Amino acid sequence: MLAALKNLMSALSDSAPPRRFAPDDFRVAAAALLIHIGGIDGVFSTAERDTLRDILRRRFSLDDAGIDALIDEASAVEREAIDLYGFTARLNRVLDAADRERLVASMWDVVFADGRATEFESNLIWRAADLLGVSRETRIALRQQAQARAGGIGGDNS
């Protein structure tokens, strides 16, 4: 009986795919923030998902399998998170000011992928940018740049 249980446990652990990203990997924190932004308004549109995948591909030089693994890990971490601080604190330890600004720009790109920013999305980016040490002026400029890239002038004015 004990041997059968050990064999079952061994078979289960052998069949589980190895993790590509540790939960404390800064890329997981960045992807989790982007996923959280994409879903905060209750709808994670196809355009937002495609933009997320494109950002992860370019930012982290990942192939499709790597992107899938990162999204899976980040989604699991994001579901368990109770606030933004855990993500932003990890990112502040690893990213310089320019990289943190690029992350905020990426958040706006995800938001504007569907053509508009909701009050929830804008508020969440405001809070995340503040925790990342990105100034109000820079956050607003990044928002305007993302709107221009998306060709949209919609949503609230935060």
C-alpha atoms as a PDB file:
ATOM      1  CA  MET A   1       0.000   0.000   0.000  1.00  0.00           C
ATOM      2  CA  LEU A   2       2.753   2.470   0.938  1.00  0.00           C
ATOM      3  CA  ALA A   3       4.738   1.518  -2.176  1.00  0.00           C
ATOM      4  CA  ALA A   4       1.666   2.108  -4.353  1.00  0.00           C
ATOM      5  CA  LEU A   5       1.197   5.538  -2.806  1.00  0.00           C
ATOM      6  CA  LYS A   6       4.867   6.403  -3.404  1.00  0.00           C
ATOM      7  CA  ASN A   7       4.583   5.252  -7.020  1.00  0.00           C
ATOM      8  CA  LEU A   8       1.473   7.377  -7.517  1.00  0.00           C
ATOM      9  CA  MET A   9       3.169  10.434  -6.021  1.00  0.00           C
ATOM     10  CA  SER A  10       6.243   9.848  -8.160  1.00  0.00           C
ATOM     11  CA  ALA A  11       4.147   9.489 -11.300  1.00  0.00           C
ATOM     12  CA  LEU A  12       2.270  12.681 -10.517  1.00  0.00           C
ATOM     13  CA  SER A  13       5.427  14.662  -9.853  1.00  0.00           C
ATOM     14  CA  ASP A  14       7.124  13.293 -12.980  1.00  0.00           C
ATOM     15  CA  SER A  15       4.205  14.290 -15.174  1.00  0.00           C
ATOM     16  CA  ALA A  16       3.931  17.825 -13.832  1.00  0.00           C
ATOM     17  CA  PRO A  17       5.658  20.264 -16.160  1.00  0.00           C
ATOM     18  CA  PRO A  18       8.656  21.987 -14.639  1.00  0.00           C
ATOM     19  CA  ARG A  19       8.163  25.579 -13.650  1.00  0.00           C
ATOM     20  CA  ARG A  20       9.805  28.060 -15.966  1.00  0.00           C
ATOM     21  CA  PHE A  21       9.300  31.011 -13.645  1.00  0.00           C
ATOM     22  CA  ALA A  22       9.654  31.095  -9.876  1.00  0.00           C
ATOM     23  CA  PRO A  23       6.848  32.968  -8.089  1.00  0.00           C
ATOM     24  CA  ASP A  24       9.389  35.564  -6.899  1.00  0.00           C
ATOM     25  CA  ASP A  25      10.709  36.249 -10.437  1.00  0.00           C
ATOM     26  CA  PHE A  26      10.266  39.961 -11.195  1.00  0.00           C
ATOM     27  CA  ARG A  27       8.801  39.010 -14.590  1.00  0.00           C
ATOM     28  CA  VAL A  28       5.955  37.260 -12.773  1.00  0.00           C
ATOM     29  CA  ALA A  29       5.281  40.430 -10.756  1.00  0.00           C
ATOM     30  CA  ALA A  30       5.287  42.581 -13.908  1.00  0.00           C
ATOM     31  CA  ALA A  31       3.002  40.191 -15.787  1.00  0.00           C
ATOM     32  CA  ALA A  32       0.675  39.898 -12.768  1.00  0.00           C
ATOM     33  CA  LEU A  33       0.295  43.693 -12.660  1.00  0.00           C
ATOM     34  CA  LEU A  34      -0.511  43.759 -16.377  1.00  0.00           C
ATOM     35  CA  ILE A  35      -3.020  40.930 -15.966  1.00  0.00           C
ATOM     36  CA  HIS A  36      -4.623  42.697 -13.009  1.00  0.00           C
ATOM     37  CA  ILE A  37      -4.905  45.903 -15.055  1.00  0.00           C
ATOM     38  CA  GLY A  38      -6.450  44.013 -17.964  1.00  0.00           C
ATOM     39  CA  GLY A  39      -9.175  42.479 -15.848  1.00  0.00           C
ATOM     40  CA  ILE A  40      -9.949  45.228 -13.329  1.00  0.00           C
ATOM     41  CA  ASP A  41     -12.929  46.511 -15.329  1.00  0.00           C
ATOM     42  CA  GLY A  42     -14.478  43.039 -15.406  1.00  0.00           C
ATOM     43  CA  VAL A  43     -13.601  42.371 -19.046  1.00  0.00           C
ATOM     44  CA  PHE A  44     -10.238  41.135 -20.311  1.00  0.00           C
ATOM     45  CA  SER A  45     -10.808  41.670 -24.019  1.00  0.00           C
ATOM     46  CA  THR A  46      -9.080  39.816 -26.826  1.00  0.00           C
ATOM     47  CA  ALA A  47      -7.316  43.057 -27.779  1.00  0.00           C
ATOM     48  CA  GLU A  48      -6.029  43.446 -24.205  1.00  0.00           C
ATOM     49  CA  ARG A  49      -4.838  39.831 -24.146  1.00  0.00           C
ATOM     50  CA  ASP A  50      -3.073  40.244 -27.487  1.00  0.00           C
ATOM     51  CA  THR A  51      -1.415  43.439 -26.262  1.00  0.00           C
ATOM     52  CA  LEU A  52      -0.324  41.689 -23.057  1.00  0.00           C
ATOM     53  CA  ARG A  53       1.244  38.862 -25.056  1.00  0.00           C
ATOM     54  CA  ASP A  54       3.005  41.324 -27.367  1.00  0.00           C
ATOM     55  CA  ILE A  55       4.411  43.278 -24.411  1.00  0.00           C
ATOM     56  CA  LEU A  56       5.693  40.108 -22.733  1.00  0.00           C
ATOM     57  CA  ARG A  57       7.233  38.901 -26.009  1.00  0.00           C
ATOM     58  CA  ARG A  58       9.076  42.176 -26.602  1.00  0.00           C
ATOM     59  CA  ARG A  59       9.967  43.014 -23.002  1.00  0.00           C
ATOM     60  CA  PHE A  60      11.249  39.598 -21.964  1.00  0.00           C
ATOM     61  CA  SER A  61      12.202  38.067 -25.345  1.00  0.00           C
ATOM     62  CA  LEU A  62       9.915  35.076 -24.864  1.00  0.00           C
ATOM     63  CA  ASP A  63       8.526  32.588 -27.358  1.00  0.00           C
ATOM     64  CA  ASP A  64       4.858  31.540 -27.273  1.00  0.00           C
ATOM     65  CA  ALA A  65       5.508  28.701 -24.808  1.00  0.00           C
ATOM     66  CA  GLY A  66       7.399  31.069 -22.514  1.00  0.00           C
ATOM     67  CA  ILE A  67       4.613  33.626 -22.698  1.00  0.00           C
ATOM     68  CA  ASP A  68       2.028  30.959 -21.857  1.00  0.00           C
ATOM     69  CA  ALA A  69       4.102  29.765 -18.887  1.00  0.00           C
ATOM     70  CA  LEU A  70       4.606  33.315 -17.626  1.00  0.00           C
ATOM     71  CA  ILE A  71       0.914  34.150 -17.961  1.00  0.00           C
ATOM     72  CA  ASP A  72      -0.044  30.944 -16.152  1.00  0.00           C
ATOM     73  CA  GLU A  73       2.329  31.656 -13.266  1.00  0.00           C
ATOM     74  CA  ALA A  74       1.440  35.349 -13.097  1.00  0.00           C
ATOM     75  CA  SER A  75      -2.297  34.603 -13.189  1.00  0.00           C
ATOM     76  CA  ALA A  76      -1.945  32.237 -10.250  1.00  0.00           C
ATOM     77  CA  VAL A  77       0.077  34.781  -8.277  1.00  0.00           C
ATOM     78  CA  GLU A  78      -2.336  37.593  -9.182  1.00  0.00           C
ATOM     79  CA  ARG A  79      -5.345  35.579  -7.953  1.00  0.00           C
ATOM     80  CA  GLU A  80      -3.675  35.135  -4.562  1.00  0.00           C
ATOM     81  CA  ALA A  81      -2.520  38.744  -4.168  1.00  0.00           C
ATOM     82  CA  ILE A  82      -4.207  40.964  -1.626  1.00  0.00           C
ATOM     83  CA  ASP A  83      -2.720  44.252  -2.810  1.00  0.00           C
ATOM     84  CA  LEU A  84      -0.334  45.859  -5.297  1.00  0.00           C
ATOM     85  CA  TYR A  85       2.474  46.371  -2.809  1.00  0.00           C
ATOM     86  CA  GLY A  86       3.873  42.843  -3.103  1.00  0.00           C
ATOM     87  CA  PHE A  87       4.314  43.272  -6.841  1.00  0.00           C
ATOM     88  CA  THR A  88       5.574  46.836  -6.785  1.00  0.00           C
ATOM     89  CA  ALA A  89       8.021  46.238  -3.931  1.00  0.00           C
ATOM     90  CA  ARG A  90       9.607  43.358  -5.872  1.00  0.00           C
ATOM     91  CA  LEU A  91       9.766  45.455  -9.027  1.00  0.00           C
ATOM     92  CA  ASN A  92      11.269  48.438  -7.192  1.00  0.00           C
ATOM     93  CA  ARG A  93      14.120  46.217  -6.000  1.00  0.00           C
ATOM     94  CA  VAL A  94      14.964  45.075  -9.545  1.00  0.00           C
ATOM     95  CA  LEU A  95      13.941  47.775 -12.015  1.00  0.00           C
ATOM     96  CA  ASP A  96      15.524  51.173 -12.477  1.00  0.00           C
ATOM     97  CA  ALA A  97      13.409  54.319 -12.927  1.00  0.00           C
ATOM     98  CA  ALA A  98      13.306  54.019 -16.729  1.00  0.00           C
ATOM     99  CA  ASP A  99      12.144  50.383 -16.543  1.00  0.00           C
ATOM    100  CA  ARG A 100       9.438  51.293 -14.024  1.00  0.00           C
ATOM    101  CA  GLU A 101       8.227  54.032 -16.382  1.00  0.00           C
ATOM    102  CA  ARG A 102       8.197  51.522 -19.265  1.00  0.00           C
ATOM    103  CA  LEU A 103       6.074  49.211 -17.109  1.00  0.00           C
ATOM    104  CA  VAL A 104       3.567  51.996 -16.446  1.00  0.00           C
ATOM    105  CA  ALA A 105       3.531  52.717 -20.194  1.00  0.00           C
ATOM    106  CA  SER A 106       2.809  49.016 -20.769  1.00  0.00           C
ATOM    107  CA  MET A 107      -0.082  49.185 -18.289  1.00  0.00           C
ATOM    108  CA  TRP A 108      -1.575  52.041 -20.294  1.00  0.00           C
ATOM    109  CA  ASP A 109      -1.043  50.077 -23.525  1.00  0.00           C
ATOM    110  CA  VAL A 110      -3.032  47.156 -22.096  1.00  0.00           C
ATOM    111  CA  VAL A 111      -5.785  49.511 -20.931  1.00  0.00           C
ATOM    112  CA  PHE A 112      -6.067  51.328 -24.255  1.00  0.00           C
ATOM    113  CA  ALA A 113      -5.946  48.142 -26.320  1.00  0.00           C
ATOM    114  CA  ASP A 114      -9.756  48.153 -26.240  1.00  0.00           C
ATOM    115  CA  GLY A 115      -9.915  51.861 -27.089  1.00  0.00           C
ATOM    116  CA  ARG A 116     -10.730  53.371 -23.705  1.00  0.00           C
ATOM    117  CA  ALA A 117      -9.768  53.621 -20.061  1.00  0.00           C
ATOM    118  CA  THR A 118     -12.322  53.098 -17.330  1.00  0.00           C
ATOM    119  CA  GLU A 119     -12.222  54.850 -13.970  1.00  0.00           C
ATOM    120  CA  PHE A 120     -11.146  51.560 -12.344  1.00  0.00           C
ATOM    121  CA  GLU A 121      -8.248  51.109 -14.768  1.00  0.00           C
ATOM    122  CA  SER A 122      -7.046  54.694 -14.407  1.00  0.00           C
ATOM    123  CA  ASN A 123      -7.237  54.521 -10.615  1.00  0.00           C
ATOM    124  CA  LEU A 124      -5.325  51.261 -10.506  1.00  0.00           C
ATOM    125  CA  ILE A 125      -2.550  52.645 -12.702  1.00  0.00           C
ATOM    126  CA  TRP A 126      -2.412  55.787 -10.562  1.00  0.00           C
ATOM    127  CA  ARG A 127      -1.909  53.640  -7.435  1.00  0.00           C
ATOM    128  CA  ALA A 128       0.617  51.305  -9.092  1.00  0.00           C
ATOM    129  CA  ALA A 129       2.581  54.203 -10.603  1.00  0.00           C
ATOM    130  CA  ASP A 130       2.706  55.905  -7.209  1.00  0.00           C
ATOM    131  CA  LEU A 131       4.029  52.713  -5.582  1.00  0.00           C
ATOM    132  CA  LEU A 132       6.589  52.376  -8.397  1.00  0.00           C
ATOM    133  CA  GLY A 133       7.816  55.931  -7.845  1.00  0.00           C
ATOM    134  CA  VAL A 134       6.567  57.213 -11.190  1.00  0.00           C
ATOM    135  CA  SER A 135       5.505  60.846 -10.912  1.00  0.00           C
ATOM    136  CA  ARG A 136       2.031  62.146 -11.674  1.00  0.00           C
ATOM    137  CA  GLU A 137       3.358  64.160 -14.596  1.00  0.00           C
ATOM    138  CA  THR A 138       5.113  61.153 -16.109  1.00  0.00           C
ATOM    139  CA  ARG A 139       2.057  58.930 -15.553  1.00  0.00           C
ATOM    140  CA  ILE A 140      -0.147  61.433 -17.380  1.00  0.00           C
ATOM    141  CA  ALA A 141       2.357  61.816 -20.234  1.00  0.00           C
ATOM    142  CA  LEU A 142       2.587  58.023 -20.567  1.00  0.00           C
ATOM    143  CA  ARG A 143      -1.206  57.835 -20.665  1.00  0.00           C
ATOM    144  CA  GLN A 144      -1.365  60.416 -23.458  1.00  0.00           C
ATOM    145  CA  GLN A 145       1.313  58.562 -25.423  1.00  0.00           C
ATOM    146  CA  ALA A 146      -0.569  55.257 -25.048  1.00  0.00           C
ATOM    147  CA  GLN A 147      -3.803  56.915 -26.175  1.00  0.00           C
ATOM    148  CA  ALA A 148      -2.037  58.264 -29.237  1.00  0.00           C
ATOM    149  CA  ARG A 149      -0.514  54.845 -30.032  1.00  0.00           C
ATOM    150  CA  ALA A 150      -3.936  53.240 -29.706  1.00  0.00           C
ATOM    151  CA  GLY A 151      -5.568  55.974 -31.762  1.00  0.00           C
ATOM    152  CA  GLY A 152      -8.169  56.345 -29.018  1.00  0.00           C
ATOM    153  CA  ILE A 153      -9.384  59.299 -27.079  1.00  0.00           C
ATOM    154  CA  GLY A 154     -11.772  57.625 -24.703  1.00  0.00           C
ATOM    155  CA  GLY A 155     -12.401  56.950 -21.085  1.00  0.00           C
ATOM    156  CA  ASP A 156     -12.085  59.213 -18.092  1.00  0.00           C
ATOM    157  CA  ASN A 157      -9.593  62.043 -17.784  1.00  0.00           C
ATOM    158  CA  SER A 158      -7.381  60.814 -14.931  1.00  0.00           C
END
